[in-house]
């Protein structure tokens, strides 16, 4: 009798503890499944207009997406096991301690986007960790063909400086990169999935003389061009010679990171790399899944609440299959996946042209 009563009491406690969040009508009549998400509609309006230039997929989007990664990947279970502080993951420490963390070699240049984002987080009284992941999710939704990323809110605003050396560098070997990601809980394939972010990316500090040089020919579209163009034979540098972390580029105006070139050709990652070239939906699906995993590093997801409904739905991709840039043929591809033939894709018509830099806002 006592046992049954105890079970009944515990069952009631679980039911009471599982009371669903209160739905709410937020600003401009927008609905939220959890009233705590209402503030994010206001943040959305503010950053779309005043950070992302009215909802563009431009330089601030590229840097905001980069920031989500640099904040989150600074998390090392291995260091914790050794009795050291292994970082807080997606905790906003790169914003809280910008003077320290944006001076890490891997994060050079991020002081600019941190400086732009921080006033928004302070104005809306949201945690730095939440804001960084939210801005990245909203930003990439502005890119045609982009993902609709999950956004969980509720991260603490208490953090400490992350250890240096936890963010991979473009000069690192594939072994070093994969080992760092494995420590954070990611497989070799998931590394490739996360690198889909480079399809809407550009460099500013590898070669500062050509600020805004993109990594593919369509930096405002979330497509698979990056995965094609990293496999083209390198022929020249886009600037005035080689810089640390840079290798020969296949196309005028385009900069190729050493790490991207190596991962595209390594047997542990080459087939995942190639799989996205003719399957845009697969690329988006796997990027979305890997980003959801990365965004909660260092956090207990059970303590967070889902505000994904606030994230805008991106415009669909114009094409589901990548193409060769004008002037290139399949003979220019350095095929690296031995298990699967390279897909037959068409080339853009016309002669080779130079890819323009991503303009500063």
Protein backbone atom coordinates (compact mmCIF):
# COMPACT_ATOMS: atom_id res chain seq x y z
CA UNK A 1 0.00 0.00 0.00
CA UNK A 2 2.78 2.38 0.96
CA UNK A 3 4.65 1.57 -2.25
CA UNK A 4 1.62 2.28 -4.40
CA UNK A 5 0.98 5.56 -2.60
CA UNK A 6 4.61 6.61 -3.05
CA UNK A 7 4.51 5.77 -6.74
CA UNK A 8 1.31 7.78 -7.11
CA UNK A 9 2.85 10.78 -5.34
CA UNK A 10 5.98 10.60 -7.48
CA UNK A 11 3.86 10.28 -10.60
CA UNK A 12 1.89 13.38 -9.64
CA UNK A 13 5.13 15.25 -9.01
CA UNK A 14 6.36 14.36 -12.51
CA UNK A 15 3.08 15.56 -14.01
CA UNK A 16 3.25 18.84 -12.08
CA UNK A 17 6.93 19.25 -13.05
CA UNK A 18 6.05 18.68 -16.68
CA UNK A 19 3.59 21.57 -16.94
CA UNK A 20 3.90 22.84 -20.51
CA UNK A 21 5.27 26.35 -21.05
CA UNK A 22 2.74 29.14 -21.31
CA UNK A 23 1.95 30.21 -24.86
CA UNK A 24 1.93 33.92 -25.56
CA UNK A 25 1.10 36.62 -28.07
CA UNK A 26 4.24 38.66 -28.61
CA UNK A 27 4.94 42.01 -30.28
CA UNK A 28 3.19 42.64 -33.61
CA UNK A 29 0.73 39.85 -32.79
CA UNK A 30 3.29 37.09 -33.31
CA UNK A 31 2.67 33.82 -31.47
CA UNK A 32 5.15 31.92 -29.32
CA UNK A 33 4.77 28.47 -27.81
CA UNK A 34 6.73 29.73 -24.81
CA UNK A 35 6.30 33.26 -23.49
CA UNK A 36 10.04 33.41 -22.76
CA UNK A 37 10.61 33.42 -26.52
CA UNK A 38 8.80 36.75 -27.05
CA UNK A 39 11.94 38.80 -26.45
CA UNK A 40 13.60 37.07 -29.39
CA UNK A 41 11.04 38.47 -31.84
CA UNK A 42 12.14 41.93 -30.74
CA UNK A 43 15.80 40.96 -31.09
CA UNK A 44 15.02 39.58 -34.55
CA UNK A 45 13.51 42.86 -35.74
CA UNK A 46 16.42 44.83 -34.36
CA UNK A 47 19.27 42.81 -35.83
CA UNK A 48 17.65 42.25 -39.21
CA UNK A 49 17.34 45.99 -39.67
CA UNK A 50 20.41 47.27 -37.87
CA UNK A 51 22.99 44.45 -38.03
CA UNK A 52 22.14 42.55 -41.21
CA UNK A 53 21.31 45.61 -43.32
CA UNK A 54 17.63 44.83 -43.78
CA UNK A 55 18.01 41.05 -44.01
CA UNK A 56 20.96 40.63 -46.36
CA UNK A 57 23.36 37.69 -46.56
CA UNK A 58 26.48 39.83 -46.37
CA UNK A 59 29.63 40.38 -44.38
CA UNK A 60 27.93 40.56 -40.95
CA UNK A 61 26.15 37.27 -41.62
CA UNK A 62 29.41 35.59 -42.57
CA UNK A 63 31.14 36.85 -39.45
CA UNK A 64 28.17 36.05 -37.19
CA UNK A 65 28.15 32.46 -38.41
CA UNK A 66 31.89 32.24 -37.82
CA UNK A 67 31.38 33.58 -34.30
CA UNK A 68 28.91 30.81 -33.39
CA UNK A 69 31.63 28.27 -34.10
CA UNK A 70 34.49 30.07 -32.38
CA UNK A 71 32.45 30.50 -29.19
CA UNK A 72 31.13 26.94 -29.11
CA UNK A 73 34.08 24.78 -30.17
CA UNK A 74 36.20 26.03 -27.26
CA UNK A 75 35.20 23.01 -25.22
CA UNK A 76 37.50 20.11 -24.31
CA UNK A 77 36.31 17.12 -22.27
CA UNK A 78 39.87 15.84 -22.50
CA UNK A 79 41.16 18.85 -20.57
CA UNK A 80 38.46 18.44 -17.92
CA UNK A 81 39.53 14.82 -17.45
CA UNK A 82 43.07 16.05 -16.91
CA UNK A 83 41.84 18.33 -14.13
CA UNK A 84 42.06 21.51 -16.22
CA UNK A 85 39.39 23.97 -17.27
CA UNK A 86 38.36 22.92 -20.77
CA UNK A 87 36.23 25.88 -21.75
CA UNK A 88 32.51 26.52 -21.47
CA UNK A 89 31.52 25.79 -25.06
CA UNK A 90 28.62 27.90 -26.36
CA UNK A 91 28.61 30.17 -23.32
CA UNK A 92 29.29 33.61 -24.79
CA UNK A 93 32.78 33.86 -23.30
CA UNK A 94 34.18 35.21 -26.55
CA UNK A 95 31.89 38.23 -26.08
CA UNK A 96 32.27 38.50 -22.31
CA UNK A 97 36.07 38.34 -22.56
CA UNK A 98 36.58 39.75 -26.03
CA UNK A 99 39.86 41.45 -25.16
CA UNK A 100 41.38 38.06 -24.44
CA UNK A 101 39.63 35.61 -26.77
CA UNK A 102 39.50 37.67 -29.97
CA UNK A 103 43.28 37.91 -29.75
CA UNK A 104 43.68 34.14 -30.03
CA UNK A 105 45.36 33.32 -33.36
CA UNK A 106 42.30 31.47 -34.67
CA UNK A 107 39.92 34.33 -33.83
CA UNK A 108 41.78 37.30 -35.28
CA UNK A 109 39.29 39.77 -36.71
CA UNK A 110 36.31 38.64 -34.65
CA UNK A 111 36.64 41.67 -32.40
CA UNK A 112 34.72 43.63 -35.04
CA UNK A 113 31.59 41.45 -35.09
CA UNK A 114 31.72 41.01 -31.31
CA UNK A 115 31.80 44.78 -30.97
CA UNK A 116 28.81 45.10 -33.30
CA UNK A 117 26.76 42.37 -31.62
CA UNK A 118 27.35 43.10 -27.93
CA UNK A 119 25.22 46.28 -27.74
CA UNK A 120 22.21 44.32 -29.05
CA UNK A 121 22.60 41.64 -26.37
CA UNK A 122 22.90 44.29 -23.67
CA UNK A 123 19.96 46.32 -24.96
CA UNK A 124 17.63 43.33 -25.00
CA UNK A 125 19.01 41.88 -21.75
CA UNK A 126 19.74 38.43 -23.18
CA UNK A 127 22.78 36.29 -22.45
CA UNK A 128 25.82 36.54 -24.69
CA UNK A 129 25.79 32.80 -25.36
CA UNK A 130 22.17 32.90 -26.49
CA UNK A 131 22.67 36.00 -28.61
CA UNK A 132 25.66 34.61 -30.50
CA UNK A 133 23.80 31.45 -31.51
CA UNK A 134 20.62 33.39 -32.32
CA UNK A 135 22.43 35.89 -34.55
CA UNK A 136 24.13 33.07 -36.44
CA UNK A 137 20.83 31.26 -37.01
CA UNK A 138 19.02 34.41 -38.12
CA UNK A 139 21.90 35.52 -40.31
CA UNK A 140 22.22 32.31 -42.29
CA UNK A 141 18.44 32.29 -42.80
CA UNK A 142 18.97 35.40 -44.95
CA UNK A 143 21.00 33.33 -47.43
CA UNK A 144 19.10 31.78 -50.34
CA UNK A 145 18.96 28.02 -49.89
CA UNK A 146 20.03 28.29 -46.26
CA UNK A 147 18.99 26.12 -43.32
CA UNK A 148 16.32 26.78 -40.72
CA UNK A 149 18.50 26.25 -37.66
CA UNK A 150 17.28 25.20 -34.25
CA UNK A 151 17.58 27.87 -31.59
CA UNK A 152 17.49 26.92 -27.93
CA UNK A 153 17.58 29.77 -25.38
CA UNK A 154 18.32 29.92 -21.70
CA UNK A 155 22.11 29.84 -21.49
CA UNK A 156 23.66 31.40 -18.41
CA UNK A 157 25.48 34.68 -18.78
CA UNK A 158 28.21 33.51 -16.40
CA UNK A 159 31.38 32.32 -18.11
CA UNK A 160 35.14 32.43 -17.87
CA UNK A 161 37.91 32.90 -20.39
CA UNK A 162 38.31 29.90 -22.67
CA UNK A 163 41.74 28.26 -22.94
CA UNK A 164 43.64 29.22 -26.06
CA UNK A 165 44.40 26.56 -28.67
CA UNK A 166 40.97 24.88 -28.86
CA UNK A 167 39.93 26.44 -32.17
CA UNK A 168 41.44 24.80 -35.28
CA UNK A 169 43.64 26.91 -37.52
CA UNK A 170 43.74 26.89 -41.34
CA UNK A 171 47.39 25.81 -41.06
CA UNK A 172 46.56 22.70 -39.02
CA UNK A 173 46.93 19.21 -40.44
CA UNK A 174 43.87 17.04 -41.00
CA UNK A 175 44.98 14.81 -38.11
CA UNK A 176 45.09 17.81 -35.78
CA UNK A 177 41.71 19.14 -36.93
CA UNK A 178 39.94 15.78 -36.65
CA UNK A 179 41.47 15.13 -33.22
CA UNK A 180 40.27 18.51 -31.92
CA UNK A 181 36.77 17.90 -33.19
CA UNK A 182 36.74 14.35 -31.85
CA UNK A 183 37.58 15.73 -28.41
CA UNK A 184 34.49 17.95 -28.68
CA UNK A 185 32.38 14.96 -29.79
CA UNK A 186 32.30 15.31 -33.58
CA UNK A 187 33.05 12.66 -36.21
CA UNK A 188 35.09 13.28 -39.36
CA UNK A 189 31.88 13.47 -41.40
CA UNK A 190 30.41 16.03 -39.01
CA UNK A 191 33.48 18.21 -39.53
CA UNK A 192 32.61 18.32 -43.22
CA UNK A 193 28.96 19.00 -42.40
CA UNK A 194 29.90 22.04 -40.32
CA UNK A 195 32.15 23.32 -43.11
CA UNK A 196 29.06 23.92 -45.24
CA UNK A 197 29.23 27.29 -43.46
CA UNK A 198 32.12 28.15 -45.79
CA UNK A 199 29.71 28.34 -48.70
CA UNK A 200 28.68 31.75 -47.29
CA UNK A 201 32.10 32.85 -46.07
CA UNK A 202 34.97 35.13 -46.95
CA UNK A 203 38.37 35.97 -45.51
CA UNK A 204 39.64 39.25 -44.14
CA UNK A 205 42.91 38.44 -42.40
CA UNK A 206 44.65 35.60 -44.31
CA UNK A 207 45.46 38.19 -46.95
CA UNK A 208 44.33 41.60 -45.62
CA UNK A 209 45.12 43.28 -48.95
CA UNK A 210 42.12 41.55 -50.54
CA UNK A 211 39.59 41.99 -47.74
CA UNK A 212 36.38 40.05 -48.34
CA UNK A 213 37.74 37.39 -50.71
CA UNK A 214 35.12 34.61 -50.78
CA UNK A 215 35.74 30.86 -50.50
CA UNK A 216 33.50 30.14 -53.48
CA UNK A 217 31.87 31.98 -56.37
CA UNK A 218 28.46 32.44 -54.69
CA UNK A 219 29.11 33.78 -51.16
CA UNK A 220 25.55 35.05 -50.67
CA UNK A 221 23.94 31.69 -51.48
CA UNK A 222 23.93 28.61 -49.26
CA UNK A 223 24.75 26.15 -52.01
CA UNK A 224 27.28 23.42 -52.71
CA UNK A 225 29.62 25.53 -54.87
CA UNK A 226 32.19 25.52 -52.06
CA UNK A 227 32.38 21.73 -52.19
CA UNK A 228 32.93 21.75 -55.97
CA UNK A 229 35.39 24.61 -56.14
CA UNK A 230 37.67 23.31 -53.38
CA UNK A 231 38.23 20.24 -55.58
CA UNK A 232 39.31 22.22 -58.63
CA UNK A 233 43.02 22.34 -59.37
CA UNK A 234 44.70 25.34 -57.81
CA UNK A 235 46.37 27.61 -60.35
CA UNK A 236 47.17 30.96 -58.67
CA UNK A 237 46.85 33.09 -55.58
CA UNK A 238 44.15 35.77 -55.65
CA UNK A 239 46.43 38.38 -54.05
CA UNK A 240 50.13 39.13 -54.20
CA UNK A 241 51.47 35.69 -53.36
CA UNK A 242 51.06 33.03 -50.71
CA UNK A 243 50.14 33.73 -47.09
CA UNK A 244 50.11 31.41 -44.10
CA UNK A 245 47.00 29.22 -44.23
CA UNK A 246 46.42 29.81 -47.95
CA UNK A 247 47.03 27.52 -50.94
CA UNK A 248 46.60 27.96 -54.69
CA UNK A 249 43.11 29.01 -55.74
CA UNK A 250 41.26 27.70 -58.80
CA UNK A 251 39.63 30.96 -59.78
CA UNK A 252 40.51 34.68 -59.81
CA UNK A 253 39.22 36.47 -56.73
CA UNK A 254 38.63 33.29 -54.73
CA UNK A 255 40.78 32.39 -51.72
CA UNK A 256 41.33 28.78 -50.69
CA UNK A 257 42.20 27.81 -47.15
CA UNK A 258 44.88 25.17 -46.70
CA UNK A 259 42.69 23.24 -44.26
CA UNK A 260 39.75 23.17 -46.68
CA UNK A 261 41.92 21.89 -49.50
CA UNK A 262 43.32 19.10 -47.32
CA UNK A 263 39.96 18.02 -45.91
CA UNK A 264 38.45 17.93 -49.40
CA UNK A 265 41.09 15.39 -50.45
CA UNK A 266 41.60 13.31 -47.30
CA UNK A 267 40.18 9.73 -47.50
CA UNK A 268 38.42 10.19 -44.14
CA UNK A 269 36.41 13.17 -45.34
CA UNK A 270 36.47 13.15 -49.16
CA UNK A 271 33.30 11.13 -49.73
CA UNK A 272 31.17 13.17 -47.34
CA UNK A 273 32.59 16.25 -49.08
CA UNK A 274 31.65 14.99 -52.53
CA UNK A 275 28.17 13.82 -51.44
CA UNK A 276 26.87 17.38 -51.17
CA UNK A 277 27.75 18.42 -54.73
CA UNK A 278 24.62 16.89 -56.26
CA UNK A 279 22.43 16.89 -53.15
CA UNK A 280 21.70 20.31 -51.68
CA UNK A 281 19.02 18.97 -49.35
CA UNK A 282 21.45 16.49 -47.81
CA UNK A 283 23.98 19.27 -47.22
CA UNK A 284 21.40 21.46 -45.47
CA UNK A 285 20.03 18.56 -43.41
CA UNK A 286 23.45 17.50 -42.14
CA UNK A 287 24.61 21.05 -41.51
CA UNK A 288 21.45 21.72 -39.50
CA UNK A 289 21.98 18.60 -37.39
CA UNK A 290 25.68 19.33 -36.76
CA UNK A 291 24.94 22.96 -35.86
CA UNK A 292 22.27 21.90 -33.36
CA UNK A 293 24.88 19.71 -31.70
CA UNK A 294 27.54 22.40 -31.69
CA UNK A 295 25.23 25.13 -30.36
CA UNK A 296 24.73 23.32 -27.05
CA UNK A 297 28.33 22.31 -26.35
CA UNK A 298 29.04 22.88 -22.67
CA UNK A 299 25.32 23.19 -21.89
CA UNK A 300 22.65 20.80 -20.66
CA UNK A 301 19.98 20.99 -23.41
CA UNK A 302 17.34 19.94 -20.87
CA UNK A 303 17.74 23.32 -19.16
CA UNK A 304 17.14 25.24 -22.41
CA UNK A 305 13.88 26.03 -24.17
CA UNK A 306 13.06 25.94 -27.86
CA UNK A 307 12.54 29.26 -29.63
CA UNK A 308 13.23 27.97 -33.14
CA UNK A 309 9.89 29.37 -34.33
CA UNK A 310 11.44 32.86 -34.16
CA UNK A 311 14.07 32.01 -36.79
CA UNK A 312 12.90 33.07 -40.29
CA UNK A 313 12.37 30.43 -42.96
CA UNK A 314 14.99 30.92 -45.72
CA UNK A 315 14.16 31.29 -49.38
CA UNK A 316 14.56 27.98 -51.26
CA UNK A 317 17.62 27.25 -53.35
CA UNK A 318 17.40 28.06 -57.03
CA UNK A 319 19.18 24.80 -57.86
CA UNK A 320 19.72 21.57 -55.96
CA UNK A 321 22.87 20.62 -57.90
CA UNK A 322 26.15 22.52 -57.96
CA UNK A 323 27.88 23.52 -61.20
CA UNK A 324 31.35 24.20 -62.50
CA UNK A 325 32.33 27.86 -62.76
CA UNK A 326 32.61 29.27 -66.28
CA UNK A 327 35.81 28.22 -68.01
CA UNK A 328 36.24 24.99 -66.00
CA UNK A 329 35.60 21.37 -67.00
CA UNK A 330 35.41 18.07 -65.15
CA UNK A 331 39.07 17.55 -66.11
CA UNK A 332 39.93 20.33 -63.64
CA UNK A 333 38.46 18.33 -60.73
CA UNK A 334 40.88 16.50 -58.42
CA UNK A 335 38.60 13.60 -57.59
CA UNK A 336 39.36 12.26 -54.10
CA UNK A 337 36.48 9.94 -53.09
CA UNK A 338 37.53 6.50 -54.27
CA UNK A 339 34.23 4.85 -53.28
CA UNK A 340 32.00 6.93 -55.56
CA UNK A 341 32.46 8.43 -59.04
CA UNK A 342 32.42 12.21 -59.24
CA UNK A 343 28.94 13.42 -60.24
CA UNK A 344 28.38 14.73 -63.75
CA UNK A 345 27.68 18.43 -63.43
CA UNK A 346 27.40 21.22 -65.98
CA UNK A 347 29.61 24.25 -66.37
CA UNK A 348 28.36 27.82 -66.48
CA UNK A 349 28.53 29.28 -70.00
CA UNK A 350 31.04 31.89 -71.05
CA UNK A 351 34.67 32.64 -70.26
CA UNK A 352 36.32 32.65 -66.86
CA UNK A 353 35.81 35.86 -64.92
CA UNK A 354 37.05 37.23 -61.61
CA UNK A 355 34.92 36.77 -58.48
CA UNK A 356 34.28 40.07 -56.70
CA UNK A 357 34.97 40.52 -53.01
CA UNK A 358 32.15 40.58 -50.49
CA UNK A 359 31.52 44.30 -49.96
CA UNK A 360 31.86 45.78 -46.50
CA UNK A 361 28.63 47.09 -44.97
